Amino acid sequence: MLYLEHAQAGILIQDSADLKEFSERFADLRGVALPPPESRKLVEEIRGEFR
């Protein structure tokens, strides 16, 4: 089961084919994401540009 929501609505996904696709996409995102310490550092650097 997967629950997705945005500013206007939410949807519950239970179809196994859809779940597989979302799972694969999420795995791809995790594969290219920075490790937590590097992510934190990047967010702090960008936040400093807005001060």
N, C-alpha and C. Protein backbone atom coordinates (compact mmCIF):
# COMPACT_ATOMS: atom_id res chain seq x y z
N MET A 1 0.83 -1.16 0.00
CA MET A 1 0.00 0.00 0.00
C MET A 1 0.89 1.24 0.00
N LEU A 2 0.44 2.25 -0.74
CA LEU A 2 1.17 3.52 -0.82
C LEU A 2 0.15 4.64 -0.76
N TYR A 3 0.43 5.62 0.07
CA TYR A 3 -0.44 6.79 0.17
C TYR A 3 0.33 7.99 -0.34
N LEU A 4 -0.22 8.66 -1.34
CA LEU A 4 0.39 9.87 -1.89
C LEU A 4 -0.54 11.03 -1.61
N GLU A 5 0.04 12.16 -1.26
CA GLU A 5 -0.80 13.33 -1.08
C GLU A 5 -0.06 14.57 -1.56
N HIS A 6 -0.84 15.56 -1.93
CA HIS A 6 -0.31 16.86 -2.31
C HIS A 6 -1.25 17.90 -1.73
N ALA A 7 -1.08 19.13 -2.10
CA ALA A 7 -1.82 20.22 -1.45
C ALA A 7 -3.33 20.10 -1.59
N GLN A 8 -3.81 19.41 -2.61
CA GLN A 8 -5.25 19.39 -2.86
C GLN A 8 -5.93 18.05 -2.61
N ALA A 9 -5.18 16.96 -2.54
CA ALA A 9 -5.82 15.65 -2.39
C ALA A 9 -4.81 14.59 -1.99
N GLY A 10 -5.31 13.41 -1.71
CA GLY A 10 -4.48 12.25 -1.41
C GLY A 10 -5.06 11.05 -2.12
N ILE A 11 -4.23 10.04 -2.34
CA ILE A 11 -4.69 8.83 -3.02
C ILE A 11 -4.00 7.61 -2.42
N LEU A 12 -4.75 6.55 -2.27
CA LEU A 12 -4.22 5.29 -1.77
C LEU A 12 -4.02 4.36 -2.97
N ILE A 13 -2.81 3.86 -3.12
CA ILE A 13 -2.48 2.98 -4.24
C ILE A 13 -2.27 1.58 -3.70
N GLN A 14 -2.97 0.62 -4.30
CA GLN A 14 -2.88 -0.77 -3.85
C GLN A 14 -2.54 -1.73 -4.99
N ASP A 15 -2.64 -1.28 -6.22
CA ASP A 15 -2.38 -2.14 -7.37
C ASP A 15 -0.90 -2.55 -7.38
N SER A 16 -0.63 -3.84 -7.49
CA SER A 16 0.75 -4.33 -7.37
C SER A 16 1.64 -3.80 -8.49
N ALA A 17 1.13 -3.64 -9.70
CA ALA A 17 1.94 -3.11 -10.79
C ALA A 17 2.32 -1.65 -10.52
N ASP A 18 1.37 -0.87 -10.02
CA ASP A 18 1.66 0.53 -9.68
C ASP A 18 2.65 0.61 -8.53
N LEU A 19 2.48 -0.25 -7.53
CA LEU A 19 3.39 -0.25 -6.38
C LEU A 19 4.81 -0.59 -6.82
N LYS A 20 4.93 -1.54 -7.74
CA LYS A 20 6.25 -1.92 -8.24
C LYS A 20 6.91 -0.73 -8.95
N GLU A 21 6.14 -0.02 -9.76
CA GLU A 21 6.68 1.13 -10.48
C GLU A 21 7.14 2.22 -9.51
N PHE A 22 6.32 2.54 -8.51
CA PHE A 22 6.71 3.55 -7.53
C PHE A 22 7.93 3.10 -6.74
N SER A 23 7.98 1.84 -6.39
CA SER A 23 9.12 1.32 -5.65
C SER A 23 10.41 1.45 -6.47
N GLU A 24 10.35 1.16 -7.75
CA GLU A 24 11.52 1.27 -8.62
C GLU A 24 11.95 2.74 -8.75
N ARG A 25 10.98 3.62 -8.90
CA ARG A 25 11.32 5.05 -9.01
C ARG A 25 11.97 5.55 -7.72
N PHE A 26 11.43 5.14 -6.58
CA PHE A 26 11.99 5.56 -5.30
C PHE A 26 13.41 5.03 -5.14
N ALA A 27 13.64 3.79 -5.57
CA ALA A 27 14.98 3.21 -5.50
C ALA A 27 15.95 4.00 -6.38
N ASP A 28 15.49 4.44 -7.55
CA ASP A 28 16.33 5.26 -8.42
C ASP A 28 16.70 6.57 -7.74
N LEU A 29 15.72 7.20 -7.09
CA LEU A 29 15.98 8.45 -6.39
C LEU A 29 16.98 8.26 -5.25
N ARG A 30 16.81 7.17 -4.49
CA ARG A 30 17.75 6.90 -3.40
C ARG A 30 19.16 6.68 -3.96
N GLY A 31 19.23 6.10 -5.15
CA GLY A 31 20.52 5.82 -5.75
C GLY A 31 21.31 7.06 -6.13
N VAL A 32 20.62 8.16 -6.42
CA VAL A 32 21.30 9.39 -6.83
C VAL A 32 21.33 10.44 -5.73
N ALA A 33 20.70 10.16 -4.61
CA ALA A 33 20.64 11.12 -3.50
C ALA A 33 22.00 11.21 -2.80
N LEU A 34 22.26 12.39 -2.27
CA LEU A 34 23.46 12.56 -1.45
C LEU A 34 23.28 11.85 -0.11
N PRO A 35 24.37 11.43 0.50
CA PRO A 35 24.26 10.89 1.87
C PRO A 35 23.76 11.99 2.81
N PRO A 36 23.13 11.62 3.92
CA PRO A 36 22.56 12.62 4.83
C PRO A 36 23.52 13.75 5.23
N PRO A 37 24.77 13.47 5.60
CA PRO A 37 25.63 14.60 6.00
C PRO A 37 25.87 15.60 4.85
N GLU A 38 26.02 15.07 3.65
CA GLU A 38 26.24 15.95 2.50
C GLU A 38 24.96 16.71 2.14
N SER A 39 23.82 16.06 2.28
CA SER A 39 22.54 16.74 2.04
C SER A 39 22.36 17.89 3.01
N ARG A 40 22.64 17.63 4.28
CA ARG A 40 22.51 18.65 5.32
C ARG A 40 23.41 19.85 5.00
N LYS A 41 24.65 19.56 4.60
CA LYS A 41 25.60 20.61 4.27
C LYS A 41 25.09 21.44 3.09
N LEU A 42 24.58 20.79 2.06
CA LEU A 42 24.07 21.50 0.88
C LEU A 42 22.88 22.38 1.25
N VAL A 43 21.97 21.86 2.05
CA VAL A 43 20.80 22.64 2.47
C VAL A 43 21.25 23.86 3.27
N GLU A 44 22.21 23.68 4.16
CA GLU A 44 22.71 24.80 4.94
C GLU A 44 23.38 25.86 4.07
N GLU A 45 24.12 25.42 3.05
CA GLU A 45 24.76 26.36 2.13
C GLU A 45 23.71 27.16 1.36
N ILE A 46 22.71 26.48 0.86
CA ILE A 46 21.67 27.15 0.09
C ILE A 46 20.86 28.08 0.99
N ARG A 47 20.56 27.62 2.19
CA ARG A 47 19.80 28.46 3.13
C ARG A 47 20.56 29.75 3.41
N GLY A 48 21.88 29.67 3.50
CA GLY A 48 22.68 30.86 3.75
C GLY A 48 22.59 31.89 2.63
N GLU A 49 22.28 31.44 1.42
CA GLU A 49 22.14 32.37 0.31
C GLU A 49 20.88 33.22 0.42
N PHE A 50 19.93 32.80 1.23
CA PHE A 50 18.66 33.51 1.36
C PHE A 50 18.62 34.43 2.59
N ARG A 51 19.69 34.50 3.31
CA ARG A 51 19.71 35.34 4.52
C ARG A 51 20.15 36.73 4.18
